[in-house]
Protein backbone atom coordinates (compact mmCIF):
# COMPACT_ATOMS: atom_id res chain seq x y z
CA MET A 1 -24.10 3.81 17.89
CA SER A 2 -23.01 0.17 18.15
CA SER A 3 -20.93 -0.60 21.23
CA THR A 4 -19.54 -3.86 19.86
CA VAL A 5 -18.43 -4.83 16.39
CA LYS A 6 -18.88 -8.39 15.20
CA VAL A 7 -16.93 -10.35 12.61
CA ILE A 8 -19.53 -12.50 10.88
CA GLY A 9 -17.63 -13.68 7.82
CA VAL A 10 -14.02 -14.39 6.85
CA GLY A 11 -12.40 -15.81 3.75
CA MET A 12 -9.03 -16.15 2.07
CA VAL A 13 -7.25 -17.87 -0.78
CA LYS A 14 -4.20 -20.08 -0.47
CA PHE A 15 -1.14 -17.87 -0.77
CA ALA A 16 1.20 -18.47 -3.70
CA LYS A 17 4.73 -17.72 -4.81
CA PRO A 18 5.18 -14.77 -7.18
CA GLY A 19 4.61 -15.99 -10.71
CA ALA A 20 2.35 -18.83 -9.59
CA HIS A 21 -0.53 -16.59 -8.56
CA GLU A 22 -3.74 -15.29 -10.10
CA PRO A 23 -4.25 -11.55 -10.75
CA TYR A 24 -4.95 -9.52 -7.62
CA GLU A 25 -8.55 -8.78 -8.61
CA VAL A 26 -9.25 -12.49 -9.04
CA MET A 27 -7.68 -13.43 -5.69
CA ALA A 28 -9.47 -10.57 -3.91
CA GLY A 29 -12.79 -11.47 -5.53
CA LYS A 30 -12.49 -15.08 -4.37
CA ALA A 31 -11.64 -14.02 -0.80
CA VAL A 32 -14.56 -11.57 -0.65
CA LYS A 33 -17.03 -14.12 -2.04
CA ALA A 34 -15.80 -16.65 0.54
CA ALA A 35 -16.31 -14.11 3.35
CA LEU A 36 -19.80 -13.25 2.10
CA ALA A 37 -20.72 -16.93 1.91
CA ASP A 38 -19.32 -17.48 5.40
CA ALA A 39 -21.47 -14.59 6.69
CA ASP A 40 -24.47 -15.79 4.67
CA ILE A 41 -25.15 -12.31 3.27
CA SER A 42 -24.97 -10.76 -0.18
CA TYR A 43 -22.64 -8.06 -1.44
CA GLY A 44 -25.67 -5.77 -1.60
CA ASP A 45 -25.82 -5.86 2.22
CA VAL A 46 -22.35 -4.28 2.48
CA GLN A 47 -22.47 -0.51 2.95
CA GLN A 48 -18.78 0.43 2.81
CA ALA A 49 -15.56 -1.33 1.78
CA PHE A 50 -11.93 -0.80 2.74
CA ALA A 51 -9.19 -2.32 0.57
CA GLY A 52 -5.63 -2.76 1.84
CA TYR A 53 -2.67 -3.23 -0.50
CA VAL A 54 0.86 -1.87 -0.96
CA PHE A 55 1.94 -2.52 -4.54
CA GLY A 56 -0.41 -1.22 -7.21
CA ASP A 57 -1.92 1.88 -8.75
CA SER A 58 -4.69 3.92 -7.19
CA ALA A 59 -8.20 2.43 -7.03
CA CYS A 60 -7.11 -1.22 -7.11
CA GLY A 61 -9.77 -1.76 -4.47
CA GLN A 62 -12.46 -0.70 -6.93
CA ALA A 63 -10.99 -2.88 -9.67
CA ALA A 64 -11.10 -5.89 -7.33
CA LEU A 65 -14.55 -5.27 -5.88
CA TYR A 66 -16.22 -4.43 -9.19
CA ARG A 67 -15.72 -8.12 -10.02
CA VAL A 68 -17.90 -8.95 -7.01
CA GLY A 69 -20.55 -6.30 -7.59
CA MET A 70 -21.12 -2.68 -8.58
CA THR A 71 -23.46 -1.31 -5.93
CA GLY A 72 -22.08 2.22 -5.74
CA ILE A 73 -20.85 1.93 -2.15
CA PRO A 74 -17.80 3.90 -0.95
CA VAL A 75 -14.54 1.99 -1.51
CA ILE A 76 -11.57 3.36 0.40
CA ASN A 77 -8.06 2.24 -0.55
CA VAL A 78 -5.59 1.81 2.33
CA ASN A 79 -1.78 1.63 2.23
CA ASN A 80 0.01 1.29 5.58
CA ASN A 81 2.84 -0.98 4.48
CA CYS A 82 2.64 -4.47 6.00
CA SER A 83 -0.19 -3.45 8.36
CA SER A 84 -2.47 -2.40 5.48
CA GLY A 85 -4.90 -5.28 6.01
CA SER A 86 -5.37 -4.55 9.71
CA SER A 87 -5.61 -0.84 8.97
CA ALA A 88 -8.50 -1.60 6.59
CA LEU A 89 -10.13 -3.72 9.30
CA MET A 90 -9.71 -0.92 11.83
CA LEU A 91 -11.36 1.61 9.51
CA ALA A 92 -14.22 -0.78 8.86
CA ARG A 93 -14.69 -1.26 12.60
CA GLN A 94 -14.64 2.48 13.22
CA ALA A 95 -17.27 3.01 10.54
CA ILE A 96 -19.55 0.58 12.41
CA LEU A 97 -18.80 2.15 15.79
CA SER A 98 -19.64 5.61 14.44
CA GLY A 99 -23.21 4.48 13.82
CA MET A 100 -23.09 5.64 10.18
CA ILE A 101 -23.39 2.10 8.80
CA ASP A 102 -24.19 -1.41 10.01
CA CYS A 103 -22.09 -3.60 7.71
CA ALA A 104 -18.62 -3.13 6.21
CA LEU A 105 -16.11 -5.17 4.26
CA ALA A 106 -12.34 -5.20 4.78
CA VAL A 107 -10.28 -6.86 2.07
CA GLY A 108 -6.53 -7.11 1.60
CA PHE A 109 -4.56 -8.37 -1.36
CA GLU A 110 -1.09 -8.29 -2.88
CA GLU A 111 0.86 -9.28 -5.96
CA MET A 112 4.55 -9.37 -5.03
CA ARG A 113 7.71 -9.83 -7.04
CA PRO A 114 10.36 -12.48 -6.31
CA GLY A 115 13.23 -11.62 -3.98
CA PRO A 116 13.69 -9.14 -1.13
CA LEU A 117 11.60 -5.99 -0.93
CA ASP A 118 13.10 -3.07 -2.82
CA PRO A 119 11.89 0.53 -3.08
CA VAL A 120 9.59 1.20 -6.04
CA TRP A 121 9.65 5.01 -6.06
CA ASN A 122 13.33 5.92 -6.28
CA ASP A 123 12.68 9.50 -7.42
CA ARG A 124 11.41 10.73 -4.01
CA THR A 125 12.12 10.48 -0.29
CA SER A 126 11.69 6.97 1.08
CA PRO A 127 9.26 6.69 4.01
CA LEU A 128 11.90 4.51 5.69
CA ARG A 129 14.64 7.10 5.30
CA ASP A 130 14.45 8.27 8.91
CA LEU A 131 14.75 4.68 10.13
CA GLU A 132 17.72 4.08 7.84
CA ASP A 133 19.44 7.28 8.96
CA ARG A 134 18.92 6.41 12.61
CA LEU A 135 20.26 2.90 12.06
CA GLU A 136 23.41 4.41 10.55
CA VAL A 137 23.92 6.30 13.81
CA LEU A 138 23.12 3.36 16.08
CA VAL A 139 24.93 0.69 14.04
CA PRO A 140 27.47 2.42 11.78
CA ASP A 141 29.01 -0.93 10.83
CA ALA A 142 25.71 -2.55 9.86
CA ALA A 143 26.22 -4.95 6.99
CA PRO A 144 24.84 -3.88 3.59
CA ALA A 145 21.45 -5.37 2.76
CA THR A 146 17.96 -4.32 1.70
CA ASN A 147 16.08 -2.10 4.15
CA ALA A 148 13.97 -4.72 5.93
CA ILE A 149 16.76 -7.29 6.24
CA ARG A 150 19.18 -4.66 7.56
CA LEU A 151 16.70 -3.35 10.14
CA PHE A 152 15.46 -6.70 11.42
CA GLY A 153 18.92 -8.25 11.22
CA SER A 154 20.35 -5.44 13.34
CA ALA A 155 17.47 -5.88 15.79
CA ALA A 156 18.24 -9.61 16.04
CA LYS A 157 21.91 -8.94 16.79
CA ALA A 158 21.02 -6.24 19.33
CA TYR A 159 18.57 -8.55 21.10
CA ILE A 160 21.17 -11.30 21.50
CA GLU A 161 23.74 -8.82 22.78
CA LYS A 162 21.24 -7.26 25.18
CA THR A 163 19.83 -10.46 26.67
CA GLY A 164 22.68 -12.95 26.28
CA ALA A 165 20.27 -15.43 24.70
CA ASN A 166 21.52 -18.12 22.34
CA SER A 167 20.91 -17.09 18.75
CA ASP A 168 19.47 -20.54 18.02
CA ILE A 169 16.16 -19.27 19.47
CA PHE A 170 15.41 -17.74 16.07
CA ALA A 171 15.87 -21.12 14.40
CA LYS A 172 13.69 -22.79 17.04
CA VAL A 173 10.89 -20.36 16.19
CA ALA A 174 11.19 -21.23 12.49
CA VAL A 175 10.94 -24.94 13.29
CA LYS A 176 7.89 -24.38 15.53
CA THR A 177 6.14 -22.26 12.93
CA ARG A 178 6.67 -24.77 10.12
CA LYS A 179 5.35 -27.53 12.39
CA HIS A 180 2.13 -25.52 12.84
CA ALA A 181 1.85 -24.86 9.10
CA LYS A 182 1.64 -28.55 8.21
CA ASN A 183 -1.96 -28.53 9.49
CA ASN A 184 -2.99 -25.45 7.53
CA PRO A 185 -4.22 -26.08 3.98
CA TYR A 186 -3.77 -22.36 3.24
CA ALA A 187 -0.05 -22.34 4.15
CA LEU A 188 2.47 -21.82 1.37
CA PHE A 189 5.19 -23.93 3.05
CA ASN A 190 4.37 -26.96 5.19
CA LYS A 191 7.42 -29.21 4.96
CA PRO A 192 8.88 -29.74 8.47
CA LEU A 193 12.25 -28.18 9.29
CA THR A 194 15.04 -29.03 11.72
CA ILE A 195 17.12 -26.52 13.65
CA GLU A 196 20.17 -27.66 11.68
CA GLU A 197 18.46 -27.02 8.35
CA VAL A 198 17.51 -23.51 9.43
CA LEU A 199 20.98 -22.66 10.73
CA LEU A 200 22.73 -24.10 7.67
CA SER A 201 20.53 -22.30 5.15
CA PRO A 202 22.21 -19.34 3.40
CA SER A 203 22.96 -16.38 5.63
CA VAL A 204 21.12 -13.16 4.78
CA TYR A 205 22.42 -11.09 7.70
CA ALA A 206 25.30 -12.51 9.74
CA PRO A 207 25.39 -13.66 12.43
CA CYS A 208 21.69 -13.84 13.25
CA LEU A 209 19.46 -14.37 10.22
CA THR A 210 19.40 -17.13 7.61
CA ARG A 211 17.08 -17.47 4.64
CA LEU A 212 14.79 -19.84 6.55
CA GLU A 213 14.37 -17.21 9.27
CA CYS A 214 12.86 -14.73 6.80
CA CYS A 215 9.31 -14.75 5.43
CA PRO A 216 8.93 -15.38 1.68
CA PRO A 217 7.50 -12.88 -0.82
CA SER A 218 4.04 -14.15 -1.68
CA CYS A 219 0.74 -13.26 -3.29
CA GLY A 220 -2.78 -13.67 -2.01
CA ALA A 221 -5.94 -12.14 -0.59
CA ALA A 222 -8.13 -12.30 2.52
CA ALA A 223 -11.33 -10.58 3.65
CA ALA A 224 -13.60 -10.03 6.64
CA ILE A 225 -17.20 -8.85 7.05
CA VAL A 226 -17.82 -6.74 10.16
CA CYS A 227 -21.13 -5.45 11.43
CA SER A 228 -23.12 -4.05 14.34
CA GLU A 229 -24.78 -6.23 16.96
CA ALA A 230 -28.19 -5.32 15.53
CA PHE A 231 -27.14 -6.43 12.02
CA ALA A 232 -25.75 -9.70 13.39
CA ARG A 233 -29.04 -10.42 15.19
CA LYS A 234 -31.11 -9.51 12.13
CA TYR A 235 -29.19 -11.94 9.92
CA GLY A 236 -28.96 -14.70 12.53
CA ALA A 237 -25.16 -14.67 12.75
CA THR A 238 -24.74 -17.39 15.38
CA ARG A 239 -21.01 -17.83 14.64
CA ALA A 240 -20.12 -14.17 15.16
CA VAL A 241 -16.87 -13.20 16.87
CA SER A 242 -16.51 -9.89 18.73
CA ILE A 243 -13.71 -7.36 18.31
CA LEU A 244 -13.29 -6.44 21.97
CA ALA A 245 -10.57 -3.82 21.54
CA GLN A 246 -8.24 -2.53 18.85
CA ALA A 247 -5.46 0.03 18.78
CA MET A 248 -3.06 1.45 16.22
CA GLN A 249 0.20 3.04 17.26
CA THR A 250 2.73 4.89 15.14
CA ASP A 251 6.32 5.73 16.02
CA GLY A 252 7.06 7.90 19.04
CA GLU A 253 10.28 9.42 20.32
CA ALA A 254 11.24 6.13 21.98
CA SER A 255 11.19 4.33 18.63
CA GLY A 256 14.73 5.39 17.76
CA GLN A 257 16.51 4.52 20.96
CA ASP A 258 18.02 1.23 19.73
CA PRO A 259 17.83 -1.19 16.78
CA ILE A 260 15.08 -3.18 18.51
CA SER A 261 12.77 -0.19 18.87
CA LEU A 262 13.43 0.75 15.23
CA THR A 263 11.57 -2.40 14.18
CA GLY A 264 8.37 -1.59 16.02
CA ALA A 265 8.92 -2.87 19.57
CA GLU A 266 7.74 0.38 21.15
CA MET A 267 4.75 0.65 18.84
CA THR A 268 3.83 -2.92 19.77
CA ARG A 269 4.19 -2.31 23.50
CA SER A 270 2.07 0.84 23.40
CA ALA A 271 -0.70 -0.61 21.22
CA ALA A 272 -0.91 -3.79 23.32
CA ARG A 273 -1.11 -1.77 26.54
CA GLN A 274 -4.03 0.22 25.15
CA VAL A 275 -5.88 -2.92 24.07
CA TYR A 276 -5.47 -4.64 27.44
CA GLU A 277 -6.65 -1.55 29.30
CA TRP A 278 -9.68 -0.99 27.06
CA ALA A 279 -10.77 -4.63 27.16
CA GLY A 280 -9.93 -5.30 30.81
CA ILE A 281 -8.24 -8.50 29.64
CA GLY A 282 -4.54 -9.34 29.97
CA PRO A 283 -2.11 -11.76 28.34
CA LYS A 284 -2.76 -14.48 30.95
CA GLU A 285 -6.32 -14.85 29.65
CA ILE A 286 -5.22 -15.28 26.03
CA LYS A 287 -4.39 -18.69 24.59
CA VAL A 288 -3.85 -18.05 20.89
CA VAL A 289 -1.89 -15.30 19.13
CA GLU A 290 -1.25 -14.44 15.50
CA LEU A 291 1.70 -12.07 15.39
CA HIS A 292 3.80 -10.44 12.70
CA ASP A 293 6.74 -12.81 12.23
CA CYS A 294 8.18 -11.30 9.05
CA PHE A 295 11.51 -12.44 10.50
CA THR A 296 11.87 -14.93 13.35
CA SER A 297 13.73 -12.22 15.26
CA ASN A 298 10.60 -10.09 15.19
CA GLU A 299 8.51 -12.91 16.62
CA VAL A 300 10.93 -13.23 19.54
CA ILE A 301 10.99 -9.49 20.19
CA THR A 302 7.21 -9.28 19.91
CA TYR A 303 6.69 -11.88 22.67
CA GLU A 304 7.97 -9.25 25.07
CA GLY A 305 6.23 -6.31 23.39
CA LEU A 306 2.85 -8.03 23.74
CA GLY A 307 3.54 -8.90 27.37
CA LEU A 308 3.55 -12.65 26.76
CA CYS A 309 6.71 -12.76 28.84
CA ALA A 310 8.86 -10.28 30.74
CA GLU A 311 11.73 -8.43 29.08
CA GLY A 312 14.64 -10.76 28.42
CA GLU A 313 12.57 -13.91 29.05
CA ALA A 314 11.70 -14.87 25.48
CA GLU A 315 14.40 -17.54 25.41
CA GLY A 316 12.84 -19.30 28.39
CA LEU A 317 9.38 -19.09 26.83
CA ILE A 318 10.71 -20.73 23.66
CA ASN A 319 12.79 -23.41 25.39
CA ASN A 320 9.86 -24.32 27.66
CA GLY A 321 7.55 -24.78 24.68
CA ASP A 322 5.26 -21.99 25.87
CA ASN A 323 4.80 -20.73 22.30
CA THR A 324 3.17 -23.90 20.96
CA TYR A 325 0.55 -26.54 21.70
CA GLY A 326 0.70 -27.73 25.31
CA GLY A 327 2.30 -24.48 26.50
CA LYS A 328 0.98 -21.15 27.78
CA TYR A 329 0.22 -19.84 24.29
CA VAL A 330 -0.10 -21.16 20.78
CA ILE A 331 1.59 -18.52 18.67
CA ASN A 332 0.91 -18.45 14.93
CA PRO A 333 -1.07 -21.70 14.67
CA SER A 334 -1.63 -20.78 11.00
CA GLY A 335 2.09 -21.03 10.27
CA GLY A 336 2.45 -17.26 10.44
CA LEU A 337 4.08 -15.08 7.84
CA MET A 338 7.09 -17.41 7.85
CA SER A 339 5.20 -20.42 6.51
CA LYS A 340 1.73 -19.26 5.48
CA GLY A 341 3.26 -16.41 3.47
CA HIS A 342 3.24 -12.63 3.66
CA PRO A 343 1.34 -10.91 0.82
CA LEU A 344 1.58 -7.52 2.49
CA GLY A 345 -1.96 -6.17 2.16
CA ALA A 346 -3.56 -9.56 2.84
CA THR A 347 -1.58 -10.47 5.95
CA GLY A 348 -3.65 -8.69 8.60
CA LEU A 349 -6.90 -10.11 7.28
CA ALA A 350 -5.44 -13.60 6.99
CA GLN A 351 -4.51 -13.30 10.67
CA CYS A 352 -8.10 -12.24 11.39
CA THR A 353 -9.38 -15.24 9.44
CA GLU A 354 -7.26 -17.64 11.48
CA LEU A 355 -8.29 -16.20 14.84
CA VAL A 356 -11.99 -16.10 13.98
CA THR A 357 -11.72 -19.73 12.89
CA GLN A 358 -9.99 -20.63 16.18
CA LEU A 359 -12.61 -18.86 18.30
CA ARG A 360 -15.40 -20.67 16.46
CA GLY A 361 -13.69 -24.00 17.13
CA GLU A 362 -13.43 -24.69 13.40
CA ALA A 363 -9.64 -24.95 12.96
CA GLY A 364 -9.47 -28.73 12.63
CA GLN A 365 -6.09 -30.26 13.45
CA ARG A 366 -4.62 -26.92 14.46
CA GLN A 367 -7.47 -26.06 16.85
CA VAL A 368 -6.36 -24.66 20.20
CA ASP A 369 -8.41 -26.00 23.12
CA GLY A 370 -10.58 -23.74 25.24
CA VAL A 371 -10.08 -20.49 23.30
CA ARG A 372 -12.14 -17.55 24.60
CA PHE A 373 -9.86 -14.68 23.61
CA ALA A 374 -7.40 -14.30 20.72
CA LEU A 375 -4.81 -11.61 20.01
CA GLN A 376 -3.60 -10.25 16.67
CA HIS A 377 -0.46 -8.18 16.00
CA ASN A 378 0.22 -6.67 12.56
CA LEU A 379 3.22 -4.39 11.97
CA GLY A 380 4.26 -2.08 9.16
CA LEU A 381 7.54 -0.18 9.30
CA GLY A 382 7.34 3.46 8.59
CA GLY A 383 5.28 2.92 10.73
CA ALA A 384 2.03 1.49 12.06
CA CYS A 385 1.28 -1.32 14.46
CA VAL A 386 -2.26 -2.63 14.90
CA VAL A 387 -3.14 -4.87 17.84
CA THR A 388 -6.62 -6.44 17.95
CA LEU A 389 -8.30 -8.51 20.66
CA TYR A 390 -11.12 -10.87 19.68
CA GLY A 391 -13.57 -12.75 21.89
CA TRP A 392 -16.09 -15.51 21.27
CA GLY A 393 -19.71 -14.45 20.91
């Protein structure tokens, strides 16, 4: 059995707006070929593949990968809402750790429609129904909106009421994220923003969320090649990055205690705690983080869930510039979901791509100095939260 799993290849395509994208199988094929080229191996060296996506019929993973090659390997399709990409990566890592195989592929892709997320299967129970019912109890006067906006908007309002922070912190996060995105050629949006522009953009959930504080629907694909230490040595993978620890957490009893916990705060806290304990590495040793900022409110809440600051201290972290270059952490140097885009199944593997690039020192103008460890947080309501810790070498 391999004790350590290496990431030896990553690849992605530039994310696009719905309607301006290529078919999912084309995007996925390009991302996989880029990851294979980055790893300097062939598709024939891959022994299993895991494909993450949310919108699409069964076996889309096969349809995408058959364009790369038809080698007869197992292809497992994974749907865990917005954490589908990281769930595919976790399964690939576990396959390596089991000793059954030495090389696996994780790929994520998505074709999304314009506008807010709406349920597709209206003839059966929604997997978010329990969250919606609990929100009705906790916030009976919650404004009408689509599921995600209502949940994360209520969480934003609850956070401000709980901590007394100024609600402009959400706008400050949007400005920071867009500033990072200008140095990422893969980012969908890279035009700088001001706090005033963010606050004056149309409200989607009063009084806390405007349109520029919500991630855009987008389409794209990303991929990663993971392998055992022996495989990495055999193929001379000198740019390999290690997955030091990884944990997935689903909802527990504490997840319904308030609007903040309904949006994954408890899952985040639990998964991060496991990762730090397993790796023997804490937040103080981490310099770069890619976290799930589907809404700027979730980025703020996640600072505390990941232990980047104490409870109620996110405002200070933001105002002190400790979430950007020159501060304690650089959070979402890629531009995050807010600016890079959020094609659901691809998001976790795009985060992986960014962090591997940072650890290799290959991120160009967005490179964070002195990176030894990098943290990834990928969240799907319904629910699943995957936290992954990477290290150089």
